[in-house]
PDB file of N, CA and C in Angstrom:
ATOM      1  N   MET A   1      84.706 103.187 111.646  1.00  0.00           N
ATOM      2  CA  MET A   1      84.513 104.166 110.504  1.00  0.00           C
ATOM      3  C   MET A   1      85.411 103.794 109.460  1.00  0.00           C
ATOM      4  N   LYS A   2      84.882 103.516 108.226  1.00  0.00           N
ATOM      5  CA  LYS A   2      85.806 103.218 107.109  1.00  0.00           C
ATOM      6  C   LYS A   2      85.774 104.453 106.224  1.00  0.00           C
ATOM      7  N   LYS A   3      86.982 104.801 105.807  1.00  0.00           N
ATOM      8  CA  LYS A   3      87.238 105.918 104.888  1.00  0.00           C
ATOM      9  C   LYS A   3      88.250 105.556 103.753  1.00  0.00           C
ATOM     10  N   ILE A   4      87.989 106.265 102.599  1.00  0.00           N
ATOM     11  CA  ILE A   4      88.998 106.271 101.576  1.00  0.00           C
ATOM     12  C   ILE A   4      89.569 107.773 101.480  1.00  0.00           C
ATOM     13  N   VAL A   5      90.866 107.897 101.633  1.00  0.00           N
ATOM     14  CA  VAL A   5      91.413 109.191 101.550  1.00  0.00           C
ATOM     15  C   VAL A   5      92.527 109.237 100.495  1.00  0.00           C
ATOM     16  N   LYS A   6      92.896 110.431 100.094  1.00  0.00           N
ATOM     17  CA  LYS A   6      93.945 110.539  98.997  1.00  0.00           C
ATOM     18  C   LYS A   6      95.219 110.825  99.719  1.00  0.00           C
ATOM     19  N   ILE A   7      96.339 110.229  99.144  1.00  0.00           N
ATOM     20  CA  ILE A   7      97.732 110.397  99.631  1.00  0.00           C
ATOM     21  C   ILE A   7      98.530 111.073  98.543  1.00  0.00           C
ATOM     22  N   MET A   8      98.980 112.389  98.874  1.00  0.00           N
ATOM     23  CA  MET A   8      99.711 113.087  97.808  1.00  0.00           C
ATOM     24  C   MET A   8     101.164 112.998  98.057  1.00  0.00           C
ATOM     25  N   ASN A   9     101.975 112.975  97.009  1.00  0.00           N
ATOM     26  CA  ASN A   9     103.412 112.965  97.133  1.00  0.00           C
ATOM     27  C   ASN A   9     104.062 111.674  97.578  1.00  0.00           C
ATOM     28  N   LEU A  10     103.447 110.547  97.486  1.00  0.00           N
ATOM     29  CA  LEU A  10     103.871 109.349  97.887  1.00  0.00           C
ATOM     30  C   LEU A  10     104.969 108.904  96.926  1.00  0.00           C
ATOM     31  N   ASP A  11     106.245 108.699  97.241  1.00  0.00           N
ATOM     32  CA  ASP A  11     107.252 108.550  96.286  1.00  0.00           C
ATOM     33  C   ASP A  11     107.347 107.166  95.592  1.00  0.00           C
ATOM     34  N   CYS A  12     107.189 106.149  96.358  1.00  0.00           N
ATOM     35  CA  CYS A  12     107.349 104.833  95.714  1.00  0.00           C
ATOM     36  C   CYS A  12     106.540 103.696  96.257  1.00  0.00           C
ATOM     37  N   ALA A  13     106.348 102.624  95.703  1.00  0.00           N
ATOM     38  CA  ALA A  13     105.572 101.465  96.140  1.00  0.00           C
ATOM     39  C   ALA A  13     106.101 100.945  97.479  1.00  0.00           C
ATOM     40  N   ASN A  14     107.423 100.988  97.720  1.00  0.00           N
ATOM     41  CA  ASN A  14     108.000 100.591  98.908  1.00  0.00           C
ATOM     42  C   ASN A  14     107.605 101.476 100.082  1.00  0.00           C
ATOM     43  N   CYS A  15     107.641 102.728  99.916  1.00  0.00           N
ATOM     44  CA  CYS A  15     107.243 103.777 100.934  1.00  0.00           C
ATOM     45  C   CYS A  15     105.766 103.427 101.338  1.00  0.00           C
ATOM     46  N   ALA A  16     104.987 103.238 100.276  1.00  0.00           N
ATOM     47  CA  ALA A  16     103.537 102.911 100.563  1.00  0.00           C
ATOM     48  C   ALA A  16     103.469 101.721 101.426  1.00  0.00           C
ATOM     49  N   GLN A  17     104.130 100.628 101.166  1.00  0.00           N
ATOM     50  CA  GLN A  17     104.230  99.441 101.915  1.00  0.00           C
ATOM     51  C   GLN A  17     104.744  99.642 103.294  1.00  0.00           C
ATOM     52  N   GLU A  18     105.645 100.458 103.385  1.00  0.00           N
ATOM     53  CA  GLU A  18     106.178 100.811 104.810  1.00  0.00           C
ATOM     54  C   GLU A  18     105.240 101.602 105.628  1.00  0.00           C
ATOM     55  N   LEU A  19     104.631 102.440 105.019  1.00  0.00           N
ATOM     56  CA  LEU A  19     103.593 103.366 105.635  1.00  0.00           C
ATOM     57  C   LEU A  19     102.359 102.529 106.018  1.00  0.00           C
ATOM     58  N   GLU A  20     101.966 101.582 105.194  1.00  0.00           N
ATOM     59  CA  GLU A  20     100.745 100.684 105.481  1.00  0.00           C
ATOM     60  C   GLU A  20     101.118  99.828 106.649  1.00  0.00           C
ATOM     61  N   ARG A  21     102.309  99.304 106.698  1.00  0.00           N
ATOM     62  CA  ARG A  21     102.853  98.489 107.798  1.00  0.00           C
ATOM     63  C   ARG A  21     102.749  99.246 109.130  1.00  0.00           C
ATOM     64  N   ALA A  22     103.236 100.500 109.090  1.00  0.00           N
ATOM     65  CA  ALA A  22     103.372 101.324 110.292  1.00  0.00           C
ATOM     66  C   ALA A  22     102.043 101.682 110.801  1.00  0.00           C
ATOM     67  N   ILE A  23     101.140 102.034 109.912  1.00  0.00           N
ATOM     68  CA  ILE A  23      99.686 102.363 110.290  1.00  0.00           C
ATOM     69  C   ILE A  23      98.954 101.163 110.812  1.00  0.00           C
ATOM     70  N   SER A  24      99.221 100.073 110.259  1.00  0.00           N
ATOM     71  CA  SER A  24      98.388  98.860 110.663  1.00  0.00           C
ATOM     72  C   SER A  24      98.827  98.460 112.150  1.00  0.00           C
ATOM     73  N   LYS A  25      99.957  98.924 112.644  1.00  0.00           N
ATOM     74  CA  LYS A  25     100.347  98.609 114.053  1.00  0.00           C
ATOM     75  C   LYS A  25      99.752  99.526 115.056  1.00  0.00           C
ATOM     76  N   ILE A  26      99.095 100.527 114.564  1.00  0.00           N
ATOM     77  CA  ILE A  26      98.430 101.618 115.508  1.00  0.00           C
ATOM     78  C   ILE A  26      97.183 101.046 116.195  1.00  0.00           C
ATOM     79  N   GLU A  27      97.092 101.164 117.485  1.00  0.00           N
ATOM     80  CA  GLU A  27      95.989 100.745 118.163  1.00  0.00           C
ATOM     81  C   GLU A  27      94.699 101.625 117.719  1.00  0.00           C
ATOM     82  N   GLY A  28      93.635 100.908 117.407  1.00  0.00           N
ATOM     83  CA  GLY A  28      92.422 101.562 116.946  1.00  0.00           C
ATOM     84  C   GLY A  28      92.226 101.528 115.531  1.00  0.00           C
ATOM     85  N   VAL A  29      93.324 100.970 114.699  1.00  0.00           N
ATOM     86  CA  VAL A  29      93.228 100.767 113.271  1.00  0.00           C
ATOM     87  C   VAL A  29      92.833  99.287 112.990  1.00  0.00           C
ATOM     88  N   HIS A  30      91.717  99.098 112.553  1.00  0.00           N
ATOM     89  CA  HIS A  30      91.196  97.746 112.271  1.00  0.00           C
ATOM     90  C   HIS A  30      91.738  97.190 110.900  1.00  0.00           C
ATOM     91  N   GLU A  31      91.889  97.999 110.015  1.00  0.00           N
ATOM     92  CA  GLU A  31      92.360  97.571 108.647  1.00  0.00           C
ATOM     93  C   GLU A  31      92.887  98.777 107.851  1.00  0.00           C
ATOM     94  N   VAL A  32      93.967  98.596 107.082  1.00  0.00           N
ATOM     95  CA  VAL A  32      94.450  99.681 106.267  1.00  0.00           C
ATOM     96  C   VAL A  32      94.986  99.061 104.941  1.00  0.00           C
ATOM     97  N   SER A  33      94.827  99.807 103.980  1.00  0.00           N
ATOM     98  CA  SER A  33      95.332  99.268 102.672  1.00  0.00           C
ATOM     99  C   SER A  33      95.763 100.573 101.853  1.00  0.00           C
ATOM    100  N   ILE A  34      97.009 100.682 101.372  1.00  0.00           N
ATOM    101  CA  ILE A  34      97.449 101.785 100.593  1.00  0.00           C
ATOM    102  C   ILE A  34      97.725 101.300  99.198  1.00  0.00           C
ATOM    103  N   HIS A  35      97.228 101.985  98.237  1.00  0.00           N
ATOM    104  CA  HIS A  35      97.438 101.671  96.774  1.00  0.00           C
ATOM    105  C   HIS A  35      98.328 102.664  96.201  1.00  0.00           C
ATOM    106  N   PHE A  36      99.524 102.408  95.828  1.00  0.00           N
ATOM    107  CA  PHE A  36     100.488 103.358  95.335  1.00  0.00           C
ATOM    108  C   PHE A  36     100.018 103.906  94.007  1.00  0.00           C
ATOM    109  N   MET A  37      99.522 103.141  93.151  1.00  0.00           N
ATOM    110  CA  MET A  37      99.203 103.588  91.745  1.00  0.00           C
ATOM    111  C   MET A  37      98.088 104.600  91.807  1.00  0.00           C
ATOM    112  N   THR A  38      97.177 104.358  92.722  1.00  0.00           N
ATOM    113  CA  THR A  38      96.019 105.360  92.761  1.00  0.00           C
ATOM    114  C   THR A  38      96.274 106.468  93.745  1.00  0.00           C
ATOM    115  N   GLN A  39      97.185 106.295  94.614  1.00  0.00           N
ATOM    116  CA  GLN A  39      97.549 107.287  95.676  1.00  0.00           C
ATOM    117  C   GLN A  39      96.420 107.355  96.622  1.00  0.00           C
ATOM    118  N   LYS A  40      95.818 106.230  96.936  1.00  0.00           N
ATOM    119  CA  LYS A  40      94.630 106.213  97.887  1.00  0.00           C
ATOM    120  C   LYS A  40      94.851 105.231  99.073  1.00  0.00           C
ATOM    121  N   MET A  41      94.355 105.494 100.135  1.00  0.00           N
ATOM    122  CA  MET A  41      94.416 104.721 101.285  1.00  0.00           C
ATOM    123  C   MET A  41      92.926 104.458 101.825  1.00  0.00           C
ATOM    124  N   THR A  42      92.721 103.194 102.000  1.00  0.00           N
ATOM    125  CA  THR A  42      91.408 102.692 102.598  1.00  0.00           C
ATOM    126  C   THR A  42      91.754 102.308 103.994  1.00  0.00           C
ATOM    127  N   ILE A  43      91.014 102.992 104.975  1.00  0.00           N
ATOM    128  CA  ILE A  43      91.268 102.674 106.427  1.00  0.00           C
ATOM    129  C   ILE A  43      89.967 102.492 107.091  1.00  0.00           C
ATOM    130  N   ASP A  44      89.967 101.586 108.130  1.00  0.00           N
ATOM    131  CA  ASP A  44      88.960 101.336 108.959  1.00  0.00           C
ATOM    132  C   ASP A  44      89.445 101.755 110.377  1.00  0.00           C
ATOM    133  N   ILE A  45      88.888 102.699 111.151  1.00  0.00           N
ATOM    134  CA  ILE A  45      89.299 103.219 112.307  1.00  0.00           C
ATOM    135  C   ILE A  45      88.164 103.034 113.379  1.00  0.00           C
ATOM    136  N   ASP A  46      88.559 102.699 114.551  1.00  0.00           N
ATOM    137  CA  ASP A  46      87.566 102.684 115.701  1.00  0.00           C
ATOM    138  C   ASP A  46      87.079 103.999 116.000  1.00  0.00           C
ATOM    139  N   ASP A  47      85.736 104.243 115.837  1.00  0.00           N
ATOM    140  CA  ASP A  47      85.085 105.532 116.007  1.00  0.00           C
ATOM    141  C   ASP A  47      85.477 106.254 117.413  1.00  0.00           C
ATOM    142  N   ASN A  48      85.543 105.368 118.441  1.00  0.00           N
ATOM    143  CA  ASN A  48      85.889 105.887 119.757  1.00  0.00           C
ATOM    144  C   ASN A  48      87.258 106.427 119.892  1.00  0.00           C
ATOM    145  N   GLN A  49      88.187 106.076 119.102  1.00  0.00           N
ATOM    146  CA  GLN A  49      89.540 106.560 119.244  1.00  0.00           C
ATOM    147  C   GLN A  49      89.971 107.286 117.955  1.00  0.00           C
ATOM    148  N   TYR A  50      88.994 107.864 117.228  1.00  0.00           N
ATOM    149  CA  TYR A  50      89.395 108.545 115.947  1.00  0.00           C
ATOM    150  C   TYR A  50      90.446 109.584 116.043  1.00  0.00           C
ATOM    151  N   GLU A  51      90.355 110.606 116.928  1.00  0.00           N
ATOM    152  CA  GLU A  51      91.314 111.696 116.998  1.00  0.00           C
ATOM    153  C   GLU A  51      92.639 111.037 117.390  1.00  0.00           C
ATOM    154  N   LYS A  52      92.760 110.235 118.281  1.00  0.00           N
ATOM    155  CA  LYS A  52      93.957 109.694 118.853  1.00  0.00           C
ATOM    156  C   LYS A  52      94.719 108.881 117.655  1.00  0.00           C
ATOM    157  N   VAL A  53      93.913 108.157 116.887  1.00  0.00           N
ATOM    158  CA  VAL A  53      94.464 107.419 115.797  1.00  0.00           C
ATOM    159  C   VAL A  53      94.947 108.229 114.760  1.00  0.00           C
ATOM    160  N   VAL A  54      94.246 109.290 114.378  1.00  0.00           N
ATOM    161  CA  VAL A  54      94.676 110.285 113.437  1.00  0.00           C
ATOM    162  C   VAL A  54      96.009 110.944 113.742  1.00  0.00           C
ATOM    163  N   GLY A  55      96.179 111.262 115.016  1.00  0.00           N
ATOM    164  CA  GLY A  55      97.415 111.845 115.505  1.00  0.00           C
ATOM    165  C   GLY A  55      98.611 110.810 115.381  1.00  0.00           C
ATOM    166  N   SER A  56      98.322 109.592 115.565  1.00  0.00           N
ATOM    167  CA  SER A  56      99.290 108.506 115.522  1.00  0.00           C
ATOM    168  C   SER A  56      99.639 108.275 114.083  1.00  0.00           C
ATOM    169  N   ILE A  57      98.636 108.271 113.171  1.00  0.00           N
ATOM    170  CA  ILE A  57      98.874 108.142 111.712  1.00  0.00           C
ATOM    171  C   ILE A  57      99.828 109.258 111.200  1.00  0.00           C
ATOM    172  N   GLU A  58      99.569 110.468 111.754  1.00  0.00           N
ATOM    173  CA  GLU A  58     100.381 111.727 111.206  1.00  0.00           C
ATOM    174  C   GLU A  58     101.879 111.454 111.657  1.00  0.00           C
ATOM    175  N   LYS A  59     101.942 111.000 112.971  1.00  0.00           N
ATOM    176  CA  LYS A  59     103.409 110.661 113.354  1.00  0.00           C
ATOM    177  C   LYS A  59     104.008 109.594 112.543  1.00  0.00           C
ATOM    178  N   ALA A  60     103.379 108.576 112.288  1.00  0.00           N
ATOM    179  CA  ALA A  60     103.887 107.519 111.437  1.00  0.00           C
ATOM    180  C   ALA A  60     104.218 107.930 110.032  1.00  0.00           C
ATOM    181  N   LYS A  61     103.363 108.779 109.500  1.00  0.00           N
ATOM    182  CA  LYS A  61     103.651 109.413 108.151  1.00  0.00           C
ATOM    183  C   LYS A  61     104.908 110.195 108.160  1.00  0.00           C
ATOM    184  N   ARG A  62     105.052 111.055 109.202  1.00  0.00           N
ATOM    185  CA  ARG A  62     106.293 111.867 109.183  1.00  0.00           C
ATOM    186  C   ARG A  62     107.479 111.165 109.304  1.00  0.00           C
ATOM    187  N   LYS A  63     107.462 109.939 109.986  1.00  0.00           N
ATOM    188  CA  LYS A  63     108.648 109.127 110.202  1.00  0.00           C
ATOM    189  C   LYS A  63     108.950 108.352 108.939  1.00  0.00           C
ATOM    190  N   VAL A  64     107.936 107.736 108.247  1.00  0.00           N
ATOM    191  CA  VAL A  64     108.116 106.939 107.052  1.00  0.00           C
ATOM    192  C   VAL A  64     108.361 107.738 105.813  1.00  0.00           C
ATOM    193  N   GLU A  65     107.476 108.688 105.534  1.00  0.00           N
ATOM    194  CA  GLU A  65     107.379 109.520 104.370  1.00  0.00           C
ATOM    195  C   GLU A  65     107.076 110.943 104.677  1.00  0.00           C
ATOM    196  N   PRO A  66     107.955 111.759 105.109  1.00  0.00           N
ATOM    197  CA  PRO A  66     107.683 113.068 105.583  1.00  0.00           C
ATOM    198  C   PRO A  66     107.104 114.076 104.573  1.00  0.00           C
ATOM    199  N   ASP A  67     107.396 113.789 103.203  1.00  0.00           N
ATOM    200  CA  ASP A  67     106.965 114.714 102.257  1.00  0.00           C
ATOM    201  C   ASP A  67     105.581 114.430 101.685  1.00  0.00           C
ATOM    202  N   CYS A  68     104.971 113.355 102.076  1.00  0.00           N
ATOM    203  CA  CYS A  68     103.655 113.073 101.585  1.00  0.00           C
ATOM    204  C   CYS A  68     102.558 113.702 102.491  1.00  0.00           C
ATOM    205  N   GLU A  69     101.320 113.855 102.004  1.00  0.00           N
ATOM    206  CA  GLU A  69     100.307 114.465 102.712  1.00  0.00           C
ATOM    207  C   GLU A  69      99.005 113.500 102.533  1.00  0.00           C
ATOM    208  N   ILE A  70      98.389 113.299 103.654  1.00  0.00           N
ATOM    209  CA  ILE A  70      97.122 112.504 103.654  1.00  0.00           C
ATOM    210  C   ILE A  70      95.944 113.537 103.654  1.00  0.00           C
ATOM    211  N   VAL A  71      95.183 113.496 102.669  1.00  0.00           N
ATOM    212  CA  VAL A  71      94.065 114.517 102.537  1.00  0.00           C
ATOM    213  C   VAL A  71      92.794 113.826 102.827  1.00  0.00           C
ATOM    214  N   GLY A  72      91.906 114.412 103.718  1.00  0.00           N
ATOM    215  CA  GLY A  72      90.645 113.873 103.952  1.00  0.00           C
ATOM    216  C   GLY A  72      90.518 112.989 105.152  1.00  0.00           C
ATOM    217  N   LEU A  73      91.530 112.974 106.048  1.00  0.00           N
ATOM    218  CA  LEU A  73      91.460 111.954 107.073  1.00  0.00           C
ATOM    219  C   LEU A  73      90.815 112.606 108.242  1.00  0.00           C
TER     220      LEU A  73
END
């Protein structure tokens, strides 16, 4: 399943890159791209592991950029 979601309160391009790197390592994530300027993330997730992957993304987000919020995932 491919989705485009909004990321709010992402502080800098480096944080976006670190978050993208952390999410790309999660099992069930086929592809992820975070665009700092537009504050959007394009992600392709395995349909069969969707809830597990979303939980792992939230953990990675809290570790890398705890103040940001992923809307619509």
